[in-house]
Amino acid sequence: MGFPSKKEIKRVLKKLENVEGTLGMLEYPTPLQKFRHDIQQKFVGYKLDKKISQRELAELLGIDEGKVSKILHNRLDEFSTDRLINLYSKINPKIKLKVS
């Protein structure tokens, strides 16, 4: 198998130009950032454990699939912490929050 042509590389790079990947945890997160990330990871874990699609998760949460994508990819800027907790409580009504 050889290397792709320059044309193919340009085509793929163009396609990936506007793709937003998953944001990682900051190197030194604040306690609130860590808390929000922990909630975000609960959504990812639920989706994986239940083996459901992003669309199915969106239906369970009562929000559109684009917003679920943002949550799953840790792009939480448009979500308040309260909203994340309320959304998660829809799939885990027995949620217990621990603040220390």
Protein backbone atom coordinates (compact mmCIF):
# COMPACT_ATOMS: atom_id res chain seq x y z
CA MET A 1 0.00 0.00 0.00
CA GLY A 2 1.49 3.32 -1.05
CA PHE A 3 1.09 6.85 0.19
CA PRO A 4 -1.97 8.82 -0.96
CA SER A 5 -1.51 11.35 -3.73
CA LYS A 6 -1.21 15.06 -3.00
CA LYS A 7 -4.65 15.50 -4.53
CA GLU A 8 -6.14 12.93 -2.13
CA ILE A 9 -4.41 14.54 0.86
CA LYS A 10 -5.77 17.97 -0.12
CA ARG A 11 -9.26 16.50 -0.53
CA VAL A 12 -9.19 14.91 2.93
CA LEU A 13 -7.74 18.01 4.59
CA LYS A 14 -10.46 20.15 3.00
CA LYS A 15 -13.10 17.75 4.29
CA LEU A 16 -11.64 17.89 7.82
CA GLU A 17 -11.23 21.66 7.82
CA ASN A 18 -14.44 22.41 9.73
CA VAL A 19 -14.69 19.25 11.80
CA GLU A 20 -14.83 19.81 15.53
CA GLY A 21 -13.32 16.99 17.54
CA THR A 22 -13.68 16.15 21.18
CA LEU A 23 -12.21 18.68 23.58
CA GLY A 24 -9.97 17.22 26.23
CA MET A 25 -9.72 18.15 29.87
CA LEU A 26 -7.67 21.23 30.60
CA GLU A 27 -4.27 20.61 32.14
CA TYR A 28 -5.20 22.45 35.34
CA PRO A 29 -9.00 22.48 35.53
CA THR A 30 -10.89 24.40 38.15
CA PRO A 31 -13.12 22.35 40.45
CA LEU A 32 -16.15 23.48 38.42
CA GLN A 33 -14.52 22.48 35.12
CA LYS A 34 -13.68 19.08 36.59
CA PHE A 35 -17.24 18.67 37.86
CA ARG A 36 -18.71 19.56 34.44
CA HIS A 37 -16.30 17.18 32.73
CA ASP A 38 -17.32 14.40 35.13
CA ILE A 39 -20.98 14.95 34.22
CA GLN A 40 -20.08 14.94 30.53
CA GLN A 41 -18.30 11.63 30.96
CA LYS A 42 -21.45 10.17 32.52
CA PHE A 43 -23.31 10.84 29.26
CA VAL A 44 -20.56 9.11 27.30
CA GLY A 45 -20.57 6.17 29.71
CA TYR A 46 -24.35 5.85 29.52
CA LYS A 47 -24.31 5.83 25.72
CA LEU A 48 -21.59 3.18 25.65
CA ASP A 49 -23.11 1.03 28.40
CA LYS A 50 -26.57 1.03 26.82
CA LYS A 51 -25.13 0.67 23.30
CA ILE A 52 -27.46 3.34 21.98
CA SER A 53 -27.01 5.80 19.15
CA GLN A 54 -26.60 9.53 19.54
CA ARG A 55 -30.09 9.91 18.07
CA GLU A 56 -31.57 7.56 20.68
CA LEU A 57 -29.83 9.47 23.46
CA ALA A 58 -31.21 12.72 22.06
CA GLU A 59 -34.72 11.27 22.18
CA LEU A 60 -34.26 10.15 25.79
CA LEU A 61 -33.00 13.60 26.77
CA GLY A 62 -35.63 15.48 24.76
CA ILE A 63 -33.07 17.60 22.92
CA ASP A 64 -31.82 17.65 19.36
CA GLU A 65 -29.02 15.40 18.20
CA GLY A 66 -26.66 18.33 17.60
CA LYS A 67 -26.78 19.29 21.26
CA VAL A 68 -26.12 15.69 22.27
CA SER A 69 -23.10 15.71 19.97
CA LYS A 70 -21.79 18.81 21.73
CA ILE A 71 -22.19 17.14 25.12
CA LEU A 72 -20.53 13.92 23.98
CA HIS A 73 -17.61 15.85 22.49
CA ASN A 74 -17.12 17.95 25.63
CA ARG A 75 -18.17 21.17 23.92
CA LEU A 76 -20.14 22.44 26.89
CA ASP A 77 -19.97 26.22 26.44
CA GLU A 78 -23.69 26.59 25.75
CA PHE A 79 -24.76 24.38 28.66
CA SER A 80 -25.07 25.63 32.21
CA THR A 81 -24.07 23.23 34.95
CA ASP A 82 -27.71 23.13 36.07
CA ARG A 83 -28.82 22.15 32.58
CA LEU A 84 -26.24 19.36 32.37
CA ILE A 85 -27.42 18.00 35.72
CA ASN A 86 -31.08 18.24 34.70
CA LEU A 87 -30.40 16.47 31.40
CA TYR A 88 -28.43 13.72 33.09
CA SER A 89 -31.19 13.23 35.65
CA LYS A 90 -33.48 12.24 32.75
CA ILE A 91 -31.39 9.13 32.13
CA ASN A 92 -30.37 8.60 35.75
CA PRO A 93 -33.09 9.90 38.07
CA LYS A 94 -31.18 8.56 41.11
CA ILE A 95 -28.23 10.87 40.45
CA LYS A 96 -26.36 11.85 43.60
CA LEU A 97 -24.08 14.84 43.54
CA LYS A 98 -21.05 14.98 45.73
CA VAL A 99 -19.43 18.32 46.42
CA SER A 100 -16.30 18.42 48.49
